[in-house]
Each structure stands twice: as C-alpha cells, then as structure tokens.
Amino acid sequence: MFAFQRCVNPDCGGTFGIDEVLHRCPHCGSLLDVDYEWDKLAVPKSLAYFERYWAERSNPWRFSGVWRFHELLPFAPLEKCATVGEGQTILQRNDAVASFVGKDSGSLFLQYEGLNPSGSFKDNGMAAGATHGRLVGAKQAACASTGNTSASLALYCGVTKLMKSVVFVGSGKIAYGKLSQALDYGARTIQIRGDFDDAMARVQEVSRKMGIYLLNSLNPFRLEGQKTIMFRVLEALRWEVPDWIVVPGGNLGNSSSFGKAFIELKKLGLIDRVPRLAVINAAGADSLDRLYNGEGLRWNGGRVDHAKIDAFYAQMDAENRRADTIASAIEINRPVNLTKCLRALDFCNGVVRKVTDQEIIDAKAQIGANGFGCEPASAASVAGAKKLVEEGVVGRDERVVCILTGYQLKDPNATVAYHGDDQKFFGDYLGVHGIKTARYANAPVVVDNDIDKILDVLRDA
C-alpha cells in the first residue's frame, strides 16, 4: 500500500509499518504521522478529479465524505474501510454571522460538522482509526473523552461490530447529551475521579497493559480521517483555498490534521497556496495560548523546546491549575497533539487566541439564531474570528471558514440556561463560568391558558 508511519522528530525520523500499533515513536517518544510513498501512488492531477465520485453515491465508500478522498489517505484497501455514512456535512456562507463578527457580506463561511452520524467532527477520524483497528485485528478499542470521542468510538464499534468499546471520562466533565450516546451505543464507560487529563493518562496505561487499541487523537490514523474536513471545505469552495481557517483548540487534533492536509496538498501540487490558520482556546483551557503567545513556543523545524513544555506543565501542577470552561469539548490542560499543532501553525503562518466563556456563549447564540445549532466549543471559532477582526489581524473582506465541530444537542443545558428565564439554572450552569449576561437570549414567554392573553402577547411581538 506504500504507506508507513514516521516519527515527526527530524532528528529521529524513525519509520514503522502500518501493521504496528504505535502512538509514539518507540525510539524518542515523539508523535507519529501516517506517511506515503507518493511517487509510487496514483495521485490525482487536480482536486477536481474527486468530482467523479459525486455520481457514485450508491457506493458506501464514495458516499462517505472521508473515503471519497481515499487517494489522499490510501493506507488501507478501500473495501476494508469502516464507514457509517460520515462526512455528509455542509459549508454555508452566512452573512448574518459575518455581520456579528464584523466582516463583509460574502466573506464568512461555517463548516458544520454537527451533521455527522454521532453529531460531531470526530466521525471523520474515527472512520480512519477504526479502519486501522480492523487492519491490525484489534478486539477492543478505548479512548479518554470529554464526550464527543466516546460517542463516536461507541458508534463505530457498535455499528461496524469491529471491536468492543471502552471509554474513560472524567467526573462531572462530560455533557449528558454526549454521555447518553456512549451509553446508548453500548460502550463500557469508566468514570474516573478526575478530569480529562487524568482519564487520558489512565487510558494510555490500560491500553498498554491490556493490549487494547487506543483511539484518541494520539493515534495518527485518527488524524488521517480528520484531514478530509479540509478536503470538503475546498470542495464546497470549488477548490479555491480560503484566506483563513479558524478552529477551536482542545486536544489540537483538528488543527494538526488540517496542517498536515495542506502540507500534503501543497507538496502534491494540488493547491498553489495555503490558508492561514487560527486556533482558538477557551480562556479557561488556554495551555496553547500561554505556551505559544506567552512562552514563545514554536515548531522550530521540528526541534520543539520540550523543556519549556515540561516546565510549563510543572508550574501548572504546582498551582493546581485545572481546565475550566463551559466549552467542555475543549476543556483540556495537556493537549496531546501540541507539537503537531505547532507544525501546522508554522506551515500555515498561524495565530493563537483565547476567548472568554461569555464570548463563546454569545457567539453560540448568534450562530444558532442564523441557522446552525452548535455546542459551545464550536462557537469558539466564531468568537475567535470576531476577536481577530477587531484586532485587525483578519481583514473584513478576507474569506474565512469557521469550523463548527459539534451539534447543539450535545450540550442542551447550555442553550436552555442561556435562553431560559430560570435565573437559578442560569447561575448554576453558566454563572459558575463567569457568564453574567445573555445578550442574545430568546426566552420563552409565560402566559395564562387564555386565548385573549395569548393573542395579546402575539400582537405585542
């Protein structure tokens, strides 16, 4: 198949077969990429090549928004690839949200990954990760999760019958909309008395000791699937590269995979320029922002200053600083794909910003009012774009794509608390995160069961 795994550390550069189950380089401990001998593969001459598959939607692999681009992630035979119909997502120009952000009409687009079968972008990566699990004969798969990964893992394992699923979640750190999916899809759910970082540490230990296939984004095959989000963005823009991609930053799998996608597309001559990348942290989970903007951490040709990262985490532990944000999907202190994200930022001339929970929840309301219900983490991209426009970093007329990562009902409590008239619920659910106002609230109107009073309310509207 002319595919292999490669260490991202240029001073190591170790290579390994795709039949090996590795999540870090066994030589130096760095992250791994899935790489290809592109010169030995039948690579399309242009991205327009993929339009031929639009006429083959009765074929499940061409219907898939991941495997439709199989030639750009050819690590497994097409007929062995796992699919549950992922990637049927849309890119929508949204002028109302553009106005909220401060941009010109026609310049802002929303890539809505909430239309995936499990309701989040994770299905793109899980299709590829589950495929690799099948190739190596895994019997069980596991992940640590703030919610979306566990839902997607449980779905793919349950529907495809490839593996049994085990998910590790932190106590009180998962929205019920997401937890309900993992339970409903049949995953064995282990709730750790700790946060996501604790769950991530334990799942790696358990996977090593029990030979369970790990399907967090530490898995390089997961990120191969997530590349296709960018392929679909380009497809929707008729293969024109936008000026900016803005994405929420949690475990940094998306930003890492997007960077890899553009590195490969440029190398293959399928695009002539790359977009700039903006990664948006929640203020309560801002490790990347602190390291990148505060400590000056950079990719540095692959020679990342790991001593600086270690010192930062040691200080974080000494201060007992824990991630805390309404955007639970990006509530992560130690992003496992940090170094790959640095590579993406370097290649795409990127920037990093953080936004408050108030900015996130207000942006979420505006996104919802204009067509797309999304979970709070998704709205970080729009809140971040707004900040970058205000700073003058992003031009009003530049073409910007904001990634909406998950569906609204992943976390319905946040929506009801914001729009409802129960102030105690507001305070208990949003106030604890420093959210003081609901500027764009659409509260229900309470009225007596009387037709005249109902008509009076409607006349006053």
Protein backbone atom coordinates (compact mmCIF):
# COMPACT_ATOMS: atom_id res chain seq x y z
CA MET A 1 0.00 0.00 0.00
CA PHE A 2 3.07 2.28 0.09
CA ALA A 3 2.00 3.65 3.49
CA PHE A 4 4.04 3.75 6.69
CA GLN A 5 4.37 5.58 9.99
CA ARG A 6 7.05 8.22 10.51
CA CYS A 7 8.33 9.99 13.63
CA VAL A 8 7.71 13.76 13.46
CA ASN A 9 11.08 14.47 15.14
CA PRO A 10 13.52 15.25 12.30
CA ASP A 11 16.48 14.21 14.46
CA CYS A 12 14.93 10.75 14.76
CA GLY A 13 12.85 10.22 11.64
CA GLY A 14 12.12 6.62 12.57
CA THR A 15 9.79 4.75 10.22
CA PHE A 16 7.46 1.89 11.06
CA GLY A 17 4.97 -0.31 9.24
CA ILE A 18 1.27 0.40 9.26
CA ASP A 19 0.75 -3.04 10.79
CA GLU A 20 2.35 -1.81 14.02
CA VAL A 21 0.18 -0.35 16.77
CA LEU A 22 2.16 2.67 17.93
CA HIS A 23 1.08 6.02 19.31
CA ARG A 24 4.51 7.45 19.96
CA CYS A 25 7.88 6.76 18.44
CA PRO A 26 9.48 3.84 20.34
CA HIS A 27 12.90 5.43 19.79
CA CYS A 28 12.40 9.00 21.01
CA GLY A 29 8.81 9.26 22.30
CA SER A 30 7.66 11.81 19.70
CA LEU A 31 4.33 11.74 17.88
CA LEU A 32 3.89 9.80 14.66
CA ASP A 33 2.48 10.65 11.23
CA VAL A 34 0.98 8.36 8.65
CA ASP A 35 3.10 8.97 5.55
CA TYR A 36 3.10 7.70 1.98
CA GLU A 37 5.44 6.98 -0.90
CA TRP A 38 3.50 9.41 -3.04
CA ASP A 39 5.67 8.87 -6.09
CA LYS A 40 4.54 5.22 -6.19
CA LEU A 41 0.84 6.03 -5.88
CA ALA A 42 -1.73 7.12 -8.44
CA VAL A 43 -2.23 10.66 -7.18
CA PRO A 44 -4.86 12.78 -8.99
CA LYS A 45 -3.54 15.63 -11.10
CA SER A 46 -6.12 18.05 -9.67
CA LEU A 47 -8.66 18.15 -6.86
CA ALA A 48 -11.45 18.36 -9.44
CA TYR A 49 -10.72 14.65 -10.04
CA PHE A 50 -12.84 13.84 -6.98
CA GLU A 51 -15.98 15.26 -8.55
CA ARG A 52 -16.38 11.98 -10.48
CA TYR A 53 -17.41 10.29 -7.25
CA TRP A 54 -20.46 12.50 -6.82
CA ALA A 55 -22.18 10.23 -9.32
CA GLU A 56 -21.39 7.11 -7.25
CA ARG A 57 -23.32 7.86 -4.08
CA SER A 58 -24.88 4.39 -4.04
CA ASN A 59 -21.37 3.12 -3.26
CA PRO A 60 -20.98 3.49 0.55
CA TRP A 61 -17.31 4.42 0.28
CA ARG A 62 -17.99 7.14 -2.29
CA PHE A 63 -20.97 8.35 -0.26
CA SER A 64 -18.61 8.78 2.69
CA GLY A 65 -17.10 12.26 2.96
CA VAL A 66 -13.93 10.58 4.20
CA TRP A 67 -13.38 7.69 1.78
CA ARG A 68 -14.49 9.73 -1.23
CA PHE A 69 -10.96 11.11 -0.92
CA HIS A 70 -9.34 7.71 -0.49
CA GLU A 71 -6.49 8.56 -2.88
CA LEU A 72 -5.31 11.17 -0.34
CA LEU A 73 -5.29 8.76 2.64
CA PRO A 74 -4.58 5.39 0.99
CA PHE A 75 -3.35 3.40 3.98
CA ALA A 76 -5.98 0.64 3.62
CA PRO A 77 -7.79 -1.02 0.70
CA LEU A 78 -10.99 0.87 0.05
CA GLU A 79 -13.22 -2.18 0.53
CA LYS A 80 -11.82 -2.65 4.07
CA CYS A 81 -12.50 0.89 5.21
CA ALA A 82 -15.04 1.42 8.01
CA THR A 83 -17.93 3.74 7.26
CA VAL A 84 -21.29 4.66 8.78
CA GLY A 85 -22.01 7.46 6.29
CA GLU A 86 -19.76 10.08 7.85
CA GLY A 87 -18.83 13.37 6.22
CA GLN A 88 -22.21 14.46 4.83
CA THR A 89 -21.52 17.96 6.08
CA ILE A 90 -22.05 21.39 4.59
CA LEU A 91 -20.17 24.63 4.18
CA GLN A 92 -22.54 27.58 4.29
CA ARG A 93 -21.93 31.23 3.55
CA ASN A 94 -23.54 33.09 6.44
CA ASP A 95 -23.82 36.85 6.08
CA ALA A 96 -25.69 37.35 9.37
CA VAL A 97 -22.88 35.75 11.37
CA ALA A 98 -20.41 37.69 9.23
CA SER A 99 -22.09 40.91 10.38
CA PHE A 100 -21.81 39.79 14.01
CA VAL A 101 -18.11 39.06 13.51
CA GLY A 102 -17.56 42.41 11.77
CA LYS A 103 -16.91 41.08 8.29
CA ASP A 104 -18.18 41.96 4.85
CA SER A 105 -21.07 40.15 3.22
CA GLY A 106 -19.93 37.02 1.40
CA SER A 107 -16.70 36.62 3.34
CA LEU A 108 -17.61 34.25 6.21
CA PHE A 109 -18.39 30.54 5.88
CA LEU A 110 -19.41 27.99 8.51
CA GLN A 111 -18.28 24.38 8.11
CA TYR A 112 -20.90 22.42 10.06
CA GLU A 113 -19.58 19.07 11.30
CA GLY A 114 -22.63 18.56 13.53
CA LEU A 115 -24.29 16.68 10.65
CA ASN A 116 -22.06 13.65 11.15
CA PRO A 117 -23.77 10.45 12.40
CA SER A 118 -22.69 10.93 16.01
CA GLY A 119 -23.15 14.69 15.80
CA SER A 120 -19.52 15.84 15.74
CA PHE A 121 -16.38 16.04 13.63
CA LYS A 122 -14.94 13.03 15.45
CA ASP A 123 -16.59 10.64 12.99
CA ASN A 124 -14.13 11.70 10.29
CA GLY A 125 -11.20 10.49 12.34
CA MET A 126 -12.99 7.51 13.84
CA ALA A 127 -13.72 6.11 10.37
CA ALA A 128 -9.99 6.04 9.68
CA GLY A 129 -8.97 4.94 13.19
CA ALA A 130 -11.49 2.10 13.27
CA THR A 131 -10.25 1.03 9.84
CA HIS A 132 -6.71 0.71 11.14
CA GLY A 133 -8.01 -1.15 14.18
CA ARG A 134 -9.63 -3.63 11.79
CA LEU A 135 -6.37 -4.00 9.81
CA VAL A 136 -4.37 -4.95 12.90
CA GLY A 137 -7.05 -7.29 14.26
CA ALA A 138 -7.95 -5.33 17.40
CA LYS A 139 -10.67 -6.85 19.59
CA GLN A 140 -11.18 -3.87 21.91
CA ALA A 141 -10.79 -0.14 21.45
CA ALA A 142 -10.59 2.57 24.10
CA CYS A 143 -10.45 6.34 24.43
CA ALA A 144 -10.45 9.09 27.01
CA SER A 145 -13.06 11.68 26.25
CA THR A 146 -14.80 14.90 27.16
CA GLY A 147 -17.73 13.40 25.28
CA ASN A 148 -17.56 13.55 21.51
CA THR A 149 -14.78 10.99 21.08
CA SER A 150 -16.55 8.49 23.32
CA ALA A 151 -19.80 8.90 21.37
CA SER A 152 -18.05 8.40 18.05
CA LEU A 153 -15.96 5.45 19.22
CA ALA A 154 -19.02 3.72 20.65
CA LEU A 155 -20.95 4.32 17.43
CA TYR A 156 -18.28 2.89 15.15
CA CYS A 157 -17.62 -0.12 17.34
CA GLY A 158 -21.33 -0.79 17.79
CA VAL A 159 -22.44 -0.38 14.19
CA THR A 160 -19.48 -2.00 12.42
CA LYS A 161 -19.06 -4.79 15.00
CA LEU A 162 -15.31 -4.40 14.56
CA MET A 163 -14.39 -4.11 18.22
CA LYS A 164 -15.80 -3.70 21.71
CA SER A 165 -15.52 -0.17 23.06
CA VAL A 166 -14.33 1.17 26.42
CA VAL A 167 -14.47 4.88 27.20
CA PHE A 168 -12.84 6.78 30.06
CA VAL A 169 -14.45 10.06 31.17
CA GLY A 170 -13.73 12.48 33.99
CA SER A 171 -16.14 13.06 36.84
CA GLY A 172 -18.60 15.85 36.08
CA LYS A 173 -16.65 16.74 32.94
CA ILE A 174 -18.94 15.40 30.25
CA ALA A 175 -22.20 16.81 28.93
CA TYR A 176 -25.15 14.44 29.31
CA GLY A 177 -26.00 14.69 25.63
CA LYS A 178 -22.64 13.08 24.86
CA LEU A 179 -22.58 10.61 27.74
CA SER A 180 -26.02 9.35 26.70
CA GLN A 181 -24.63 8.46 23.27
CA ALA A 182 -21.77 6.36 24.64
CA LEU A 183 -24.17 4.52 26.92
CA ASP A 184 -26.79 4.04 24.21
CA TYR A 185 -24.27 2.74 21.67
CA GLY A 186 -23.10 0.09 24.12
CA ALA A 187 -19.69 1.32 25.28
CA ARG A 188 -18.34 0.17 28.62
CA THR A 189 -17.97 3.52 30.38
CA ILE A 190 -15.35 4.09 33.09
CA GLN A 191 -15.78 7.33 35.03
CA ILE A 192 -12.50 8.46 36.60
CA ARG A 193 -12.48 10.61 39.73
CA GLY A 194 -10.51 13.31 37.96
CA ASP A 195 -10.53 15.38 34.77
CA PHE A 196 -9.79 14.64 31.12
CA ASP A 197 -6.04 14.73 31.62
CA ASP A 198 -6.35 12.09 34.34
CA ALA A 199 -8.57 9.96 32.09
CA MET A 200 -6.09 10.35 29.22
CA ALA A 201 -3.20 9.18 31.36
CA ARG A 202 -5.11 6.15 32.65
CA VAL A 203 -6.44 5.03 29.26
CA GLN A 204 -2.91 5.00 27.85
CA GLU A 205 -1.70 2.86 30.74
CA VAL A 206 -4.63 0.46 30.44
CA SER A 207 -4.20 0.19 26.66
CA ARG A 208 -0.53 -0.73 27.05
CA LYS A 209 -1.12 -3.26 29.82
CA MET A 210 -4.13 -4.97 28.21
CA GLY A 211 -3.29 -4.62 24.53
CA ILE A 212 -6.39 -2.50 23.85
CA TYR A 213 -6.37 -0.42 20.69
CA LEU A 214 -6.22 3.28 21.63
CA LEU A 215 -8.42 5.57 19.54
CA ASN A 216 -7.68 9.02 20.92
CA SER A 217 -6.21 11.58 18.52
CA LEU A 218 -2.80 10.46 19.74
CA ASN A 219 -3.49 7.74 17.17
CA PRO A 220 -2.05 9.03 13.86
CA PHE A 221 -4.69 7.21 11.82
CA ARG A 222 -7.42 9.21 13.57
CA LEU A 223 -5.88 12.39 12.22
CA GLU A 224 -5.80 10.99 8.69
CA GLY A 225 -9.58 10.93 8.69
CA GLN A 226 -9.82 14.45 10.08
CA LYS A 227 -7.81 15.76 7.13
CA THR A 228 -10.89 15.26 4.98
CA ILE A 229 -12.72 18.12 6.67
CA MET A 230 -10.38 20.41 4.76
CA PHE A 231 -10.91 18.48 1.52
CA ARG A 232 -14.64 19.04 1.84
CA VAL A 233 -14.14 22.74 2.59
CA LEU A 234 -12.12 23.09 -0.61
CA GLU A 235 -14.71 21.03 -2.48
CA ALA A 236 -17.51 23.35 -1.35
CA LEU A 237 -15.46 26.40 -2.40
CA ARG A 238 -14.97 24.84 -5.85
CA TRP A 239 -11.36 24.01 -4.96
CA GLU A 240 -10.41 27.59 -4.10
CA VAL A 241 -8.30 28.00 -0.97
CA PRO A 242 -9.80 30.39 1.62
CA ASP A 243 -7.72 33.05 3.34
CA TRP A 244 -8.29 31.71 6.87
CA ILE A 245 -9.34 28.53 8.66
CA VAL A 246 -10.48 29.19 12.25
CA VAL A 247 -10.81 26.18 14.53
CA PRO A 248 -11.39 25.56 18.26
CA GLY A 249 -8.31 24.26 20.07
CA GLY A 250 -8.78 21.42 22.58
CA ASN A 251 -6.60 18.35 22.17
CA LEU A 252 -5.38 20.02 18.94
CA GLY A 253 -6.17 17.08 16.69
CA ASN A 254 -8.12 19.14 14.15
CA SER A 255 -5.54 21.90 13.83
CA SER A 256 -2.81 19.27 13.49
CA SER A 257 -4.67 17.31 10.83
CA PHE A 258 -5.61 20.45 8.91
CA GLY A 259 -1.96 21.46 8.80
CA LYS A 260 -0.97 18.00 7.54
CA ALA A 261 -3.66 18.18 4.87
CA PHE A 262 -2.32 21.44 3.49
CA ILE A 263 1.31 20.31 3.73
CA GLU A 264 0.46 17.28 1.61
CA LEU A 265 -1.77 19.11 -0.86
CA LYS A 266 0.95 21.71 -1.47
CA LYS A 267 3.63 19.02 -1.82
CA LEU A 268 1.49 17.16 -4.36
CA GLY A 269 0.87 20.34 -6.36
CA LEU A 270 -2.90 20.17 -5.80
CA ILE A 271 -3.04 23.69 -4.33
CA ASP A 272 -0.82 26.69 -5.10
CA ARG A 273 -1.17 28.43 -1.73
CA VAL A 274 -2.23 27.63 1.82
CA PRO A 275 -4.68 29.41 4.12
CA ARG A 276 -3.67 30.97 7.39
CA LEU A 277 -4.71 29.02 10.48
CA ALA A 278 -6.20 30.44 13.69
CA VAL A 279 -6.50 28.13 16.70
CA ILE A 280 -8.86 29.41 19.39
CA ASN A 281 -8.58 28.34 23.03
CA ALA A 282 -11.19 28.87 25.71
CA ALA A 283 -9.74 31.22 28.32
CA GLY A 284 -10.26 28.55 30.96
CA ALA A 285 -8.28 25.97 28.97
CA ASP A 286 -5.56 28.04 27.38
CA SER A 287 -2.36 25.99 27.51
CA LEU A 288 -1.64 26.51 23.81
CA ASP A 289 -2.21 30.26 24.08
CA ARG A 290 0.09 30.54 27.10
CA LEU A 291 2.81 28.44 25.52
CA TYR A 292 2.61 29.97 22.05
CA ASN A 293 1.96 33.62 22.85
CA GLY A 294 3.32 33.78 26.40
CA GLU A 295 6.34 31.47 26.25
CA GLY A 296 7.16 31.82 22.56
CA LEU A 297 6.98 28.07 21.91
CA ARG A 298 7.41 27.25 18.22
CA TRP A 299 7.83 24.30 15.86
CA ASN A 300 11.43 25.31 15.16
CA GLY A 301 11.88 22.90 12.29
CA GLY A 302 10.64 20.03 14.43
CA ARG A 303 13.07 20.72 17.25
CA VAL A 304 10.42 21.79 19.75
CA ASP A 305 11.64 23.01 23.14
CA HIS A 306 10.20 20.21 25.25
CA ALA A 307 11.95 21.54 28.37
CA LYS A 308 9.77 24.66 28.08
CA ILE A 309 6.64 22.49 27.81
CA ASP A 310 7.69 20.37 30.81
CA ALA A 311 8.38 23.47 32.91
CA PHE A 312 5.01 24.94 31.96
CA TYR A 313 3.16 21.78 32.98
CA ALA A 314 5.13 21.51 36.21
CA GLN A 315 4.13 25.07 37.10
CA MET A 316 0.53 24.30 36.16
CA ASP A 317 0.54 21.33 38.52
CA ALA A 318 2.21 23.34 41.29
CA GLU A 319 -0.57 25.92 41.03
CA ASN A 320 -3.19 23.15 40.76
CA ARG A 321 -4.48 24.92 37.67
CA ARG A 322 -7.23 22.85 36.04
CA ALA A 323 -9.08 23.48 32.81
CA ASP A 324 -12.50 25.04 33.43
CA THR A 325 -14.80 26.23 30.67
CA ILE A 326 -18.40 25.98 29.52
CA ALA A 327 -16.94 24.61 26.28
CA SER A 328 -16.44 21.11 27.71
CA ALA A 329 -15.24 19.63 24.40
CA ILE A 330 -12.06 21.76 24.59
CA GLU A 331 -11.65 21.64 28.39
CA ILE A 332 -8.15 20.17 28.21
CA ASN A 333 -4.94 21.18 30.01
CA ARG A 334 -2.41 18.94 28.26
CA PRO A 335 -3.20 18.75 24.53
CA VAL A 336 -1.59 15.58 23.23
CA ASN A 337 -1.14 16.93 19.69
CA LEU A 338 0.67 20.07 20.79
CA THR A 339 3.78 19.52 18.67
CA LYS A 340 1.81 18.68 15.51
CA CYS A 341 -0.28 21.81 16.06
CA LEU A 342 2.92 23.85 16.26
CA ARG A 343 3.91 22.39 12.89
CA ALA A 344 0.54 23.37 11.42
CA LEU A 345 0.83 26.91 12.79
CA ASP A 346 4.31 27.20 11.33
CA PHE A 347 3.33 25.96 7.87
CA CYS A 348 0.10 27.98 7.74
CA ASN A 349 1.53 31.19 9.22
CA GLY A 350 -0.94 30.74 12.04
CA VAL A 351 -2.06 32.60 15.13
CA VAL A 352 -3.43 31.53 18.51
CA ARG A 353 -6.02 33.38 20.55
CA LYS A 354 -8.22 32.71 23.56
CA VAL A 355 -11.81 33.81 24.15
CA THR A 356 -13.87 34.01 27.32
CA ASP A 357 -16.86 31.80 28.04
CA GLN A 358 -19.05 34.90 27.74
CA GLU A 359 -17.72 35.49 24.22
CA ILE A 360 -18.24 31.83 23.36
CA ILE A 361 -21.82 31.61 24.61
CA ASP A 362 -22.83 34.89 22.90
CA ALA A 363 -21.31 33.68 19.62
CA LYS A 364 -23.15 30.38 20.05
CA ALA A 365 -26.47 32.25 20.31
CA GLN A 366 -25.75 34.19 17.14
CA ILE A 367 -24.77 31.04 15.24
CA GLY A 368 -27.97 29.34 16.38
CA ALA A 369 -30.16 32.31 15.50
CA ASN A 370 -28.76 32.20 12.00
CA GLY A 371 -29.13 28.58 11.07
CA PHE A 372 -26.80 26.23 12.95
CA GLY A 373 -27.33 24.93 16.45
CA CYS A 374 -23.89 24.06 17.79
CA GLU A 375 -22.26 23.04 21.05
CA PRO A 376 -20.33 25.73 22.97
CA ALA A 377 -16.87 24.59 21.83
CA SER A 378 -17.88 25.09 18.19
CA ALA A 379 -18.67 28.74 18.86
CA ALA A 380 -15.10 29.40 19.96
CA SER A 381 -14.18 29.59 16.27
CA VAL A 382 -16.68 32.39 15.57
CA ALA A 383 -15.81 34.21 18.81
CA GLY A 384 -12.14 33.94 17.83
CA ALA A 385 -12.78 35.23 14.32
CA LYS A 386 -14.60 38.22 15.83
CA LYS A 387 -11.61 38.98 18.04
CA LEU A 388 -9.16 38.69 15.15
CA VAL A 389 -11.25 41.08 13.04
CA GLU A 390 -11.37 43.57 15.92
CA GLU A 391 -7.58 43.32 16.23
CA GLY A 392 -7.12 43.92 12.51
CA VAL A 393 -5.40 40.56 12.04
CA VAL A 394 -8.19 39.27 9.80
CA GLY A 395 -9.39 41.65 7.11
CA ARG A 396 -13.08 42.41 6.74
CA ASP A 397 -13.04 41.17 3.14
CA GLU A 398 -10.84 38.10 3.61
CA ARG A 399 -12.53 34.75 3.05
CA VAL A 400 -12.78 32.98 6.42
CA VAL A 401 -14.01 29.47 7.22
CA CYS A 402 -15.02 28.80 10.84
CA ILE A 403 -15.24 25.16 11.87
CA LEU A 404 -18.34 24.22 13.88
CA THR A 405 -17.32 20.96 15.49
CA GLY A 406 -20.47 19.59 17.10
CA TYR A 407 -24.26 19.61 17.16
CA GLN A 408 -26.35 21.74 19.54
CA LEU A 409 -27.92 18.82 21.44
CA LYS A 410 -24.50 17.63 22.54
CA ASP A 411 -24.96 20.10 25.40
CA PRO A 412 -28.59 21.30 25.52
CA ASN A 413 -28.26 22.59 29.10
CA ALA A 414 -26.02 25.43 27.93
CA THR A 415 -28.63 26.52 25.40
CA VAL A 416 -31.59 26.29 27.79
CA ALA A 417 -29.69 28.09 30.56
CA TYR A 418 -28.80 30.95 28.20
CA HIS A 419 -32.23 31.41 26.67
CA GLY A 420 -34.44 30.39 29.60
CA ASP A 421 -36.00 32.54 32.31
CA ASP A 422 -34.83 30.40 35.26
CA GLN A 423 -32.15 32.58 36.81
CA LYS A 424 -31.10 29.89 39.27
CA PHE A 425 -30.48 27.49 36.39
CA PHE A 426 -28.56 30.25 34.59
CA GLY A 427 -26.39 30.86 37.63
CA ASP A 428 -25.82 27.20 38.40
CA TYR A 429 -24.93 26.26 34.85
CA LEU A 430 -23.45 29.39 33.29
CA GLY A 431 -22.72 31.74 36.17
CA VAL A 432 -20.11 29.39 37.60
CA HIS A 433 -18.12 30.01 34.42
CA GLY A 434 -18.23 33.79 34.81
CA ILE A 435 -21.06 34.26 32.30
CA LYS A 436 -23.05 37.24 33.55
CA THR A 437 -25.38 38.18 30.71
CA ALA A 438 -27.45 36.60 27.97
CA ARG A 439 -27.34 39.45 25.47
CA TYR A 440 -28.97 37.47 22.68
CA ALA A 441 -31.39 35.45 24.78
CA ASN A 442 -34.66 34.27 23.26
CA ALA A 443 -36.58 33.49 26.44
CA PRO A 444 -39.95 31.73 26.34
CA VAL A 445 -42.96 33.90 27.17
CA VAL A 446 -45.05 32.58 30.05
CA VAL A 447 -48.77 33.28 29.59
CA ASP A 448 -52.02 32.08 31.12
CA ASN A 449 -54.03 29.41 29.34
CA ASP A 450 -56.34 32.04 27.88
CA ILE A 451 -56.78 32.75 24.16
CA ASP A 452 -57.14 36.52 24.60
CA LYS A 453 -53.96 36.78 26.65
CA ILE A 454 -52.10 34.63 24.14
CA LEU A 455 -53.30 36.88 21.31
CA ASP A 456 -52.23 39.95 23.30
CA VAL A 457 -48.72 38.53 23.60
CA LEU A 458 -48.53 37.78 19.89
CA ARG A 459 -49.84 41.25 18.95
CA ASP A 460 -47.14 42.86 21.09
CA ALA A 461 -44.36 40.89 19.40
